[in-house]
PDB file of N, CA and C in Angstrom:
ATOM      1  N   UNK A   1      32.796   6.422  37.413  1.00  0.00           N
ATOM      2  CA  UNK A   1      30.859   6.390  37.293  1.00  0.00           C
ATOM      3  C   UNK A   1      31.362   5.385  35.861  1.00  0.00           C
ATOM      4  N   UNK A   2      30.229   5.314  35.836  1.00  0.00           N
ATOM      5  CA  UNK A   2      29.919   3.671  35.006  1.00  0.00           C
ATOM      6  C   UNK A   2      29.930   4.842  33.545  1.00  0.00           C
ATOM      7  N   UNK A   3      29.806   3.712  32.540  1.00  0.00           N
ATOM      8  CA  UNK A   3      29.226   4.278  31.231  1.00  0.00           C
ATOM      9  C   UNK A   3      28.414   4.354  30.322  1.00  0.00           C
ATOM     10  N   UNK A   4      27.677   5.266  30.206  1.00  0.00           N
ATOM     11  CA  UNK A   4      26.315   4.501  29.469  1.00  0.00           C
ATOM     12  C   UNK A   4      25.907   3.310  28.818  1.00  0.00           C
ATOM     13  N   UNK A   5      25.496   2.273  28.648  1.00  0.00           N
ATOM     14  CA  UNK A   5      25.330   2.002  27.972  1.00  0.00           C
ATOM     15  C   UNK A   5      24.873   1.570  26.473  1.00  0.00           C
ATOM     16  N   UNK A   6      25.551   1.250  25.437  1.00  0.00           N
ATOM     17  CA  UNK A   6      25.722   1.208  24.532  1.00  0.00           C
ATOM     18  C   UNK A   6      24.514   0.239  23.395  1.00  0.00           C
ATOM     19  N   UNK A   7      23.562   0.279  23.334  1.00  0.00           N
ATOM     20  CA  UNK A   7      22.451  -0.261  22.624  1.00  0.00           C
ATOM     21  C   UNK A   7      23.090  -0.821  21.292  1.00  0.00           C
ATOM     22  N   UNK A   8      22.742  -2.681  21.235  1.00  0.00           N
ATOM     23  CA  UNK A   8      23.513  -3.267  20.745  1.00  0.00           C
ATOM     24  C   UNK A   8      22.810  -3.822  19.056  1.00  0.00           C
ATOM     25  N   UNK A   9      23.647  -4.008  18.349  1.00  0.00           N
ATOM     26  CA  UNK A   9      23.269  -3.712  16.553  1.00  0.00           C
ATOM     27  C   UNK A   9      21.277  -4.386  16.378  1.00  0.00           C
ATOM     28  N   UNK A  10      21.723  -5.680  17.161  1.00  0.00           N
ATOM     29  CA  UNK A  10      19.763  -6.248  17.691  1.00  0.00           C
ATOM     30  C   UNK A  10      19.165  -4.925  18.083  1.00  0.00           C
ATOM     31  N   UNK A  11      18.994  -4.545  18.923  1.00  0.00           N
ATOM     32  CA  UNK A  11      18.587  -3.151  19.053  1.00  0.00           C
ATOM     33  C   UNK A  11      17.861  -2.237  18.485  1.00  0.00           C
ATOM     34  N   UNK A  12      19.433  -2.120  17.273  1.00  0.00           N
ATOM     35  CA  UNK A  12      19.238  -1.089  15.927  1.00  0.00           C
ATOM     36  C   UNK A  12      18.239  -1.366  14.883  1.00  0.00           C
ATOM     37  N   UNK A  13      18.613  -2.663  14.613  1.00  0.00           N
ATOM     38  CA  UNK A  13      17.944  -3.371  13.462  1.00  0.00           C
ATOM     39  C   UNK A  13      16.336  -4.110  13.980  1.00  0.00           C
ATOM     40  N   UNK A  14      15.957  -3.957  15.295  1.00  0.00           N
ATOM     41  CA  UNK A  14      14.841  -3.776  15.982  1.00  0.00           C
ATOM     42  C   UNK A  14      13.984  -2.939  15.809  1.00  0.00           C
ATOM     43  N   UNK A  15      14.830  -1.473  16.246  1.00  0.00           N
ATOM     44  CA  UNK A  15      13.601  -0.594  15.564  1.00  0.00           C
ATOM     45  C   UNK A  15      13.809   0.452  14.559  1.00  0.00           C
ATOM     46  N   UNK A  16      15.011  -0.372  13.720  1.00  0.00           N
ATOM     47  CA  UNK A  16      14.246   0.719  12.782  1.00  0.00           C
ATOM     48  C   UNK A  16      13.754  -0.460  11.568  1.00  0.00           C
ATOM     49  N   UNK A  17      13.087  -1.966  11.974  1.00  0.00           N
ATOM     50  CA  UNK A  17      12.021  -2.533  11.574  1.00  0.00           C
ATOM     51  C   UNK A  17      11.027  -2.176  12.126  1.00  0.00           C
ATOM     52  N   UNK A  18      10.754  -1.462  13.966  1.00  0.00           N
ATOM     53  CA  UNK A  18       9.657  -1.097  13.785  1.00  0.00           C
ATOM     54  C   UNK A  18       9.139   0.267  13.118  1.00  0.00           C
ATOM     55  N   UNK A  19      10.106   1.221  13.121  1.00  0.00           N
ATOM     56  CA  UNK A  19      10.064   2.270  11.952  1.00  0.00           C
ATOM     57  C   UNK A  19       9.552   2.313  10.777  1.00  0.00           C
ATOM     58  N   UNK A  20      10.062   0.989   9.984  1.00  0.00           N
ATOM     59  CA  UNK A  20       9.600   0.703   8.662  1.00  0.00           C
ATOM     60  C   UNK A  20       8.059   0.541   8.853  1.00  0.00           C
ATOM     61  N   UNK A  21       7.925  -0.737   9.828  1.00  0.00           N
ATOM     62  CA  UNK A  21       6.049  -1.383  10.208  1.00  0.00           C
ATOM     63  C   UNK A  21       5.737  -0.137  10.013  1.00  0.00           C
ATOM     64  N   UNK A  22       6.259   1.187  11.029  1.00  0.00           N
ATOM     65  CA  UNK A  22       4.781   2.097  11.124  1.00  0.00           C
ATOM     66  C   UNK A  22       5.081   2.898  10.185  1.00  0.00           C
ATOM     67  N   UNK A  23       5.643   3.209   9.101  1.00  0.00           N
ATOM     68  CA  UNK A  23       5.637   3.650   7.985  1.00  0.00           C
ATOM     69  C   UNK A  23       4.676   3.077   6.867  1.00  0.00           C
ATOM     70  N   UNK A  24       5.117   1.932   6.787  1.00  0.00           N
ATOM     71  CA  UNK A  24       4.240   1.347   6.023  1.00  0.00           C
ATOM     72  C   UNK A  24       2.750   0.847   6.841  1.00  0.00           C
ATOM     73  N   UNK A  25       2.357   1.083   7.329  1.00  0.00           N
ATOM     74  CA  UNK A  25       0.964   1.298   8.138  1.00  0.00           C
ATOM     75  C   UNK A  25       0.058   2.337   7.872  1.00  0.00           C
ATOM     76  N   UNK A  26       1.325   3.605   7.673  1.00  0.00           N
ATOM     77  CA  UNK A  26       0.744   4.468   7.168  1.00  0.00           C
ATOM     78  C   UNK A  26       0.143   4.686   6.156  1.00  0.00           C
ATOM     79  N   UNK A  27       1.299   4.677   5.742  1.00  0.00           N
ATOM     80  CA  UNK A  27       0.729   4.482   4.269  1.00  0.00           C
ATOM     81  C   UNK A  27      -0.253   3.645   3.267  1.00  0.00           C
ATOM     82  N   UNK A  28      -0.150   1.764   4.510  1.00  0.00           N
ATOM     83  CA  UNK A  28      -1.345   1.374   3.487  1.00  0.00           C
ATOM     84  C   UNK A  28      -2.807   2.173   4.247  1.00  0.00           C
ATOM     85  N   UNK A  29      -2.690   2.811   5.482  1.00  0.00           N
ATOM     86  CA  UNK A  29      -3.886   3.303   5.431  1.00  0.00           C
ATOM     87  C   UNK A  29      -3.997   4.111   4.448  1.00  0.00           C
ATOM     88  N   UNK A  30      -3.510   5.412   4.162  1.00  0.00           N
ATOM     89  CA  UNK A  30      -3.593   6.333   2.637  1.00  0.00           C
ATOM     90  C   UNK A  30      -4.484   5.502   1.789  1.00  0.00           C
ATOM     91  N   UNK A  31      -3.796   4.613   1.342  1.00  0.00           N
ATOM     92  CA  UNK A  31      -3.514   3.403  -0.263  1.00  0.00           C
ATOM     93  C   UNK A  31      -4.900   3.276   0.324  1.00  0.00           C
ATOM     94  N   UNK A  32      -5.658   2.490   1.271  1.00  0.00           N
ATOM     95  CA  UNK A  32      -7.110   2.360   1.667  1.00  0.00           C
ATOM     96  C   UNK A  32      -7.585   3.264   1.603  1.00  0.00           C
ATOM     97  N   UNK A  33      -7.375   4.384   1.802  1.00  0.00           N
ATOM     98  CA  UNK A  33      -8.534   5.816   2.738  1.00  0.00           C
ATOM     99  C   UNK A  33      -8.784   5.952   0.608  1.00  0.00           C
ATOM    100  N   UNK A  34      -7.381   5.862  -0.338  1.00  0.00           N
ATOM    101  CA  UNK A  34      -7.592   5.764  -1.770  1.00  0.00           C
ATOM    102  C   UNK A  34      -7.874   5.207  -2.656  1.00  0.00           C
ATOM    103  N   UNK A  35      -8.426   4.089  -1.875  1.00  0.00           N
ATOM    104  CA  UNK A  35      -9.566   2.436  -2.739  1.00  0.00           C
ATOM    105  C   UNK A  35     -10.398   2.480  -1.961  1.00  0.00           C
ATOM    106  N   UNK A  36     -11.023   3.451  -1.335  1.00  0.00           N
ATOM    107  CA  UNK A  36     -12.443   3.920  -0.674  1.00  0.00           C
ATOM    108  C   UNK A  36     -13.010   4.885  -1.413  1.00  0.00           C
ATOM    109  N   UNK A  37     -11.878   5.687  -1.858  1.00  0.00           N
ATOM    110  CA  UNK A  37     -12.177   7.131  -2.974  1.00  0.00           C
ATOM    111  C   UNK A  37     -12.941   6.552  -3.721  1.00  0.00           C
ATOM    112  N   UNK A  38     -11.663   5.633  -4.496  1.00  0.00           N
ATOM    113  CA  UNK A  38     -12.196   4.478  -5.955  1.00  0.00           C
ATOM    114  C   UNK A  38     -13.518   3.988  -5.647  1.00  0.00           C
ATOM    115  N   UNK A  39     -13.726   3.310  -4.888  1.00  0.00           N
ATOM    116  CA  UNK A  39     -14.653   2.723  -4.826  1.00  0.00           C
ATOM    117  C   UNK A  39     -15.977   3.083  -4.867  1.00  0.00           C
ATOM    118  N   UNK A  40     -15.730   4.909  -4.567  1.00  0.00           N
ATOM    119  CA  UNK A  40     -16.663   5.337  -4.546  1.00  0.00           C
ATOM    120  C   UNK A  40     -17.333   6.204  -5.728  1.00  0.00           C
ATOM    121  N   UNK A  41     -16.425   6.377  -6.335  1.00  0.00           N
ATOM    122  CA  UNK A  41     -16.365   6.862  -6.966  1.00  0.00           C
ATOM    123  C   UNK A  41     -17.549   6.124  -8.573  1.00  0.00           C
ATOM    124  N   UNK A  42     -16.618   4.091  -9.075  1.00  0.00           N
ATOM    125  CA  UNK A  42     -17.136   3.808 -10.119  1.00  0.00           C
ATOM    126  C   UNK A  42     -18.405   2.572  -8.945  1.00  0.00           C
ATOM    127  N   UNK A  43     -18.892   3.391  -8.593  1.00  0.00           N
ATOM    128  CA  UNK A  43     -20.346   2.850  -7.910  1.00  0.00           C
ATOM    129  C   UNK A  43     -19.791   1.346  -6.771  1.00  0.00           C
ATOM    130  N   UNK A  44     -18.929   0.978  -7.174  1.00  0.00           N
ATOM    131  CA  UNK A  44     -18.888  -0.408  -6.594  1.00  0.00           C
ATOM    132  C   UNK A  44     -17.793  -1.210  -5.663  1.00  0.00           C
ATOM    133  N   UNK A  45     -17.707  -2.117  -5.287  1.00  0.00           N
ATOM    134  CA  UNK A  45     -16.643  -2.619  -4.318  1.00  0.00           C
ATOM    135  C   UNK A  45     -15.643  -3.447  -5.565  1.00  0.00           C
ATOM    136  N   UNK A  46     -14.477  -2.862  -5.740  1.00  0.00           N
ATOM    137  CA  UNK A  46     -13.888  -3.513  -6.582  1.00  0.00           C
ATOM    138  C   UNK A  46     -13.719  -5.042  -6.613  1.00  0.00           C
ATOM    139  N   UNK A  47     -12.947  -6.111  -7.863  1.00  0.00           N
ATOM    140  CA  UNK A  47     -13.075  -7.035  -7.684  1.00  0.00           C
ATOM    141  C   UNK A  47     -14.824  -7.777  -6.999  1.00  0.00           C
ATOM    142  N   UNK A  48     -15.784  -7.271  -7.555  1.00  0.00           N
ATOM    143  CA  UNK A  48     -17.172  -7.582  -7.161  1.00  0.00           C
ATOM    144  C   UNK A  48     -17.605  -7.216  -8.475  1.00  0.00           C
ATOM    145  N   UNK A  49     -18.392  -8.069  -9.172  1.00  0.00           N
ATOM    146  CA  UNK A  49     -18.719  -7.689 -10.833  1.00  0.00           C
ATOM    147  C   UNK A  49     -17.921  -7.752 -11.553  1.00  0.00           C
ATOM    148  N   UNK A  50     -17.940  -6.406 -12.713  1.00  0.00           N
ATOM    149  CA  UNK A  50     -17.248  -6.177 -14.045  1.00  0.00           C
ATOM    150  C   UNK A  50     -16.022  -5.705 -13.487  1.00  0.00           C
ATOM    151  N   UNK A  51     -16.003  -5.467 -12.333  1.00  0.00           N
ATOM    152  CA  UNK A  51     -14.835  -4.670 -12.029  1.00  0.00           C
ATOM    153  C   UNK A  51     -13.705  -4.990 -11.841  1.00  0.00           C
ATOM    154  N   UNK A  52     -12.060  -4.949 -11.742  1.00  0.00           N
ATOM    155  CA  UNK A  52     -11.480  -5.704 -11.466  1.00  0.00           C
ATOM    156  C   UNK A  52     -10.758  -4.571 -10.004  1.00  0.00           C
ATOM    157  N   UNK A  53     -10.127  -5.633  -9.462  1.00  0.00           N
ATOM    158  CA  UNK A  53      -9.484  -4.506  -8.054  1.00  0.00           C
ATOM    159  C   UNK A  53      -8.469  -3.720  -8.523  1.00  0.00           C
ATOM    160  N   UNK A  54      -8.659  -2.727  -8.357  1.00  0.00           N
ATOM    161  CA  UNK A  54      -7.487  -1.134  -8.777  1.00  0.00           C
ATOM    162  C   UNK A  54      -6.539  -1.685  -7.624  1.00  0.00           C
ATOM    163  N   UNK A  55      -5.224  -0.601  -8.518  1.00  0.00           N
ATOM    164  CA  UNK A  55      -3.933  -0.948  -7.419  1.00  0.00           C
ATOM    165  C   UNK A  55      -3.642  -0.146  -6.610  1.00  0.00           C
ATOM    166  N   UNK A  56      -4.325   0.760  -5.956  1.00  0.00           N
ATOM    167  CA  UNK A  56      -5.377   0.795  -4.454  1.00  0.00           C
ATOM    168  C   UNK A  56      -5.176  -0.061  -3.454  1.00  0.00           C
ATOM    169  N   UNK A  57      -6.406  -1.048  -3.797  1.00  0.00           N
ATOM    170  CA  UNK A  57      -6.730  -2.182  -2.825  1.00  0.00           C
ATOM    171  C   UNK A  57      -5.081  -2.889  -2.888  1.00  0.00           C
ATOM    172  N   UNK A  58      -4.719  -3.282  -4.820  1.00  0.00           N
ATOM    173  CA  UNK A  58      -3.429  -3.986  -3.754  1.00  0.00           C
ATOM    174  C   UNK A  58      -2.105  -3.472  -3.321  1.00  0.00           C
ATOM    175  N   UNK A  59      -1.918  -2.513  -3.273  1.00  0.00           N
ATOM    176  CA  UNK A  59      -1.271  -1.684  -2.093  1.00  0.00           C
ATOM    177  C   UNK A  59      -1.520  -1.133  -1.106  1.00  0.00           C
ATOM    178  N   UNK A  60      -2.421  -1.362  -0.452  1.00  0.00           N
ATOM    179  CA  UNK A  60      -2.828  -1.105   0.756  1.00  0.00           C
ATOM    180  C   UNK A  60      -2.950  -2.632   1.277  1.00  0.00           C
ATOM    181  N   UNK A  61      -3.226  -3.694   0.954  1.00  0.00           N
ATOM    182  CA  UNK A  61      -3.167  -4.618   1.628  1.00  0.00           C
ATOM    183  C   UNK A  61      -1.505  -5.701   1.809  1.00  0.00           C
ATOM    184  N   UNK A  62      -0.798  -5.347   0.508  1.00  0.00           N
ATOM    185  CA  UNK A  62       0.587  -5.389   0.626  1.00  0.00           C
ATOM    186  C   UNK A  62       1.299  -4.425   1.355  1.00  0.00           C
ATOM    187  N   UNK A  63       1.174  -3.917   1.648  1.00  0.00           N
ATOM    188  CA  UNK A  63       1.388  -2.224   3.009  1.00  0.00           C
ATOM    189  C   UNK A  63       1.249  -3.052   4.165  1.00  0.00           C
ATOM    190  N   UNK A  64      -0.290  -3.100   3.925  1.00  0.00           N
ATOM    191  CA  UNK A  64      -0.328  -3.405   5.524  1.00  0.00           C
ATOM    192  C   UNK A  64       0.763  -4.666   5.843  1.00  0.00           C
ATOM    193  N   UNK A  65       0.818  -5.881   4.202  1.00  0.00           N
ATOM    194  CA  UNK A  65       0.685  -6.987   5.012  1.00  0.00           C
ATOM    195  C   UNK A  65       2.737  -6.791   5.575  1.00  0.00           C
ATOM    196  N   UNK A  66       3.494  -6.110   5.141  1.00  0.00           N
ATOM    197  CA  UNK A  66       4.515  -5.652   5.340  1.00  0.00           C
ATOM    198  C   UNK A  66       4.560  -5.080   6.125  1.00  0.00           C
ATOM    199  N   UNK A  67       3.532  -3.677   6.492  1.00  0.00           N
ATOM    200  CA  UNK A  67       3.857  -3.582   7.961  1.00  0.00           C
ATOM    201  C   UNK A  67       3.561  -4.619   8.806  1.00  0.00           C
ATOM    202  N   UNK A  68       2.964  -5.948   8.957  1.00  0.00           N
ATOM    203  CA  UNK A  68       2.270  -6.694   9.669  1.00  0.00           C
ATOM    204  C   UNK A  68       3.818  -7.378  10.182  1.00  0.00           C
ATOM    205  N   UNK A  69       4.828  -7.672   8.930  1.00  0.00           N
ATOM    206  CA  UNK A  69       5.787  -8.880   8.904  1.00  0.00           C
ATOM    207  C   UNK A  69       6.763  -8.028   9.791  1.00  0.00           C
ATOM    208  N   UNK A  70       7.036  -6.716   9.672  1.00  0.00           N
ATOM    209  CA  UNK A  70       7.450  -6.205   9.586  1.00  0.00           C
ATOM    210  C   UNK A  70       7.874  -5.811  11.706  1.00  0.00           C
ATOM    211  N   UNK A  71       6.445  -5.618  12.384  1.00  0.00           N
ATOM    212  CA  UNK A  71       5.713  -5.485  13.097  1.00  0.00           C
ATOM    213  C   UNK A  71       6.057  -6.676  13.999  1.00  0.00           C
ATOM    214  N   UNK A  72       6.364  -7.600  13.046  1.00  0.00           N
ATOM    215  CA  UNK A  72       7.065  -9.336  13.732  1.00  0.00           C
ATOM    216  C   UNK A  72       8.785  -9.212  14.601  1.00  0.00           C
ATOM    217  N   UNK A  73       9.029  -9.280  13.006  1.00  0.00           N
ATOM    218  CA  UNK A  73      10.381  -9.155  13.276  1.00  0.00           C
ATOM    219  C   UNK A  73      10.594  -8.012  14.302  1.00  0.00           C
ATOM    220  N   UNK A  74      10.484  -6.710  14.836  1.00  0.00           N
ATOM    221  CA  UNK A  74      11.078  -5.621  15.483  1.00  0.00           C
ATOM    222  C   UNK A  74      10.526  -6.808  16.786  1.00  0.00           C
ATOM    223  N   UNK A  75       9.529  -7.206  17.049  1.00  0.00           N
ATOM    224  CA  UNK A  75       9.158  -7.756  18.028  1.00  0.00           C
ATOM    225  C   UNK A  75       9.603  -8.695  18.975  1.00  0.00           C
ATOM    226  N   UNK A  76      10.604 -10.359  17.669  1.00  0.00           N
ATOM    227  CA  UNK A  76      11.274 -10.671  18.220  1.00  0.00           C
ATOM    228  C   UNK A  76      12.734 -10.986  18.863  1.00  0.00           C
ATOM    229  N   UNK A  77      12.921 -11.003  19.576  1.00  0.00           N
ATOM    230  CA  UNK A  77      14.067 -10.543  19.767  1.00  0.00           C
ATOM    231  C   UNK A  77      15.325 -11.971  19.943  1.00  0.00           C
ATOM    232  N   UNK A  78      16.588 -10.815  19.970  1.00  0.00           N
ATOM    233  CA  UNK A  78      17.653 -11.878  19.286  1.00  0.00           C
ATOM    234  C   UNK A  78      17.572 -13.252  19.863  1.00  0.00           C
ATOM    235  N   UNK A  79      17.813 -13.617  18.499  1.00  0.00           N
ATOM    236  CA  UNK A  79      18.454 -15.136  18.365  1.00  0.00           C
ATOM    237  C   UNK A  79      19.531 -15.770  18.102  1.00  0.00           C
ATOM    238  N   UNK A  80      19.846 -16.860  19.321  1.00  0.00           N
ATOM    239  CA  UNK A  80      20.805 -17.593  19.711  1.00  0.00           C
ATOM    240  C   UNK A  80      21.145 -18.079  18.890  1.00  0.00           C
ATOM    241  N   UNK A  81      22.732 -17.556  18.583  1.00  0.00           N
ATOM    242  CA  UNK A  81      23.692 -18.424  18.037  1.00  0.00           C
ATOM    243  C   UNK A  81      23.141 -19.897  17.745  1.00  0.00           C
ATOM    244  N   UNK A  82      22.900 -20.641  16.344  1.00  0.00           N
ATOM    245  CA  UNK A  82      22.920 -22.664  16.264  1.00  0.00           C
ATOM    246  C   UNK A  82      24.508 -23.153  16.377  1.00  0.00           C
ATOM    247  N   UNK A  83      25.275 -22.233  16.279  1.00  0.00           N
ATOM    248  CA  UNK A  83      26.660 -23.276  15.300  1.00  0.00           C
ATOM    249  C   UNK A  83      27.334 -22.321  16.536  1.00  0.00           C
ATOM    250  N   UNK A  84      28.089 -22.600  18.090  1.00  0.00           N
ATOM    251  CA  UNK A  84      28.623 -22.225  18.821  1.00  0.00           C
ATOM    252  C   UNK A  84      30.188 -22.424  18.042  1.00  0.00           C
ATOM    253  N   UNK A  85      31.399 -21.578  18.335  1.00  0.00           N
ATOM    254  CA  UNK A  85      32.812 -20.992  17.814  1.00  0.00           C
ATOM    255  C   UNK A  85      32.737 -22.498  18.901  1.00  0.00           C
ATOM    256  N   UNK A  86      33.861 -23.114  17.836  1.00  0.00           N
ATOM    257  CA  UNK A  86      35.637 -23.938  19.259  1.00  0.00           C
ATOM    258  C   UNK A  86      36.194 -22.851  20.378  1.00  0.00           C
ATOM    259  N   UNK A  87      36.363 -23.600  21.864  1.00  0.00           N
ATOM    260  CA  UNK A  87      36.916 -22.270  22.618  1.00  0.00           C
ATOM    261  C   UNK A  87      38.417 -22.220  21.918  1.00  0.00           C
ATOM    262  N   UNK A  88      39.287 -21.180  21.888  1.00  0.00           N
ATOM    263  CA  UNK A  88      40.637 -20.351  21.255  1.00  0.00           C
ATOM    264  C   UNK A  88      41.509 -21.442  22.645  1.00  0.00           C
ATOM    265  N   UNK A  89      42.262 -22.057  21.346  1.00  0.00           N
ATOM    266  CA  UNK A  89      43.433 -22.647  22.397  1.00  0.00           C
ATOM    267  C   UNK A  89      44.881 -22.279  22.020  1.00  0.00           C
ATOM    268  N   UNK A  90      45.641 -22.330  22.712  1.00  0.00           N
ATOM    269  CA  UNK A  90      46.704 -21.716  22.671  1.00  0.00           C
ATOM    270  C   UNK A  90      47.895 -22.618  22.780  1.00  0.00           C
ATOM    271  N   UNK A  91      48.940 -22.602  22.330  1.00  0.00           N
ATOM    272  CA  UNK A  91      50.086 -24.097  21.677  1.00  0.00           C
ATOM    273  C   UNK A  91      50.950 -22.912  22.686  1.00  0.00           C
ATOM    274  N   UNK A  92      52.053 -23.858  23.170  1.00  0.00           N
ATOM    275  CA  UNK A  92      52.862 -23.469  24.476  1.00  0.00           C
ATOM    276  C   UNK A  92      54.000 -24.410  24.141  1.00  0.00           C
ATOM    277  N   UNK A  93      54.550 -23.132  23.590  1.00  0.00           N
ATOM    278  CA  UNK A  93      55.906 -23.859  22.519  1.00  0.00           C
ATOM    279  C   UNK A  93      56.589 -24.563  24.182  1.00  0.00           C
ATOM    280  N   UNK A  94      57.667 -26.265  23.650  1.00  0.00           N
ATOM    281  CA  UNK A  94      58.612 -26.728  24.849  1.00  0.00           C
ATOM    282  C   UNK A  94      59.254 -27.138  24.732  1.00  0.00           C
TER     283      UNK A  94
END
């Protein structure tokens, strides 16, 4: 019987990065919804005219960017080592 293959560490890290990306994109969507509600309450677009950008606008943009970065990290394959170790040598006694 064959033993089931154990996922490697990089697969766990990529899955975790993808999960964090999903969480950040969901939170960016919620922050964007609150930013739209805030813009509707003040009657203008944040950053246009005398009204500065609100924290919800900045939060939505930062979380969205963070989610995209995590998706990019999850999509990348495992990187090969740039430095290879020297082969192990055994010294025989004479």
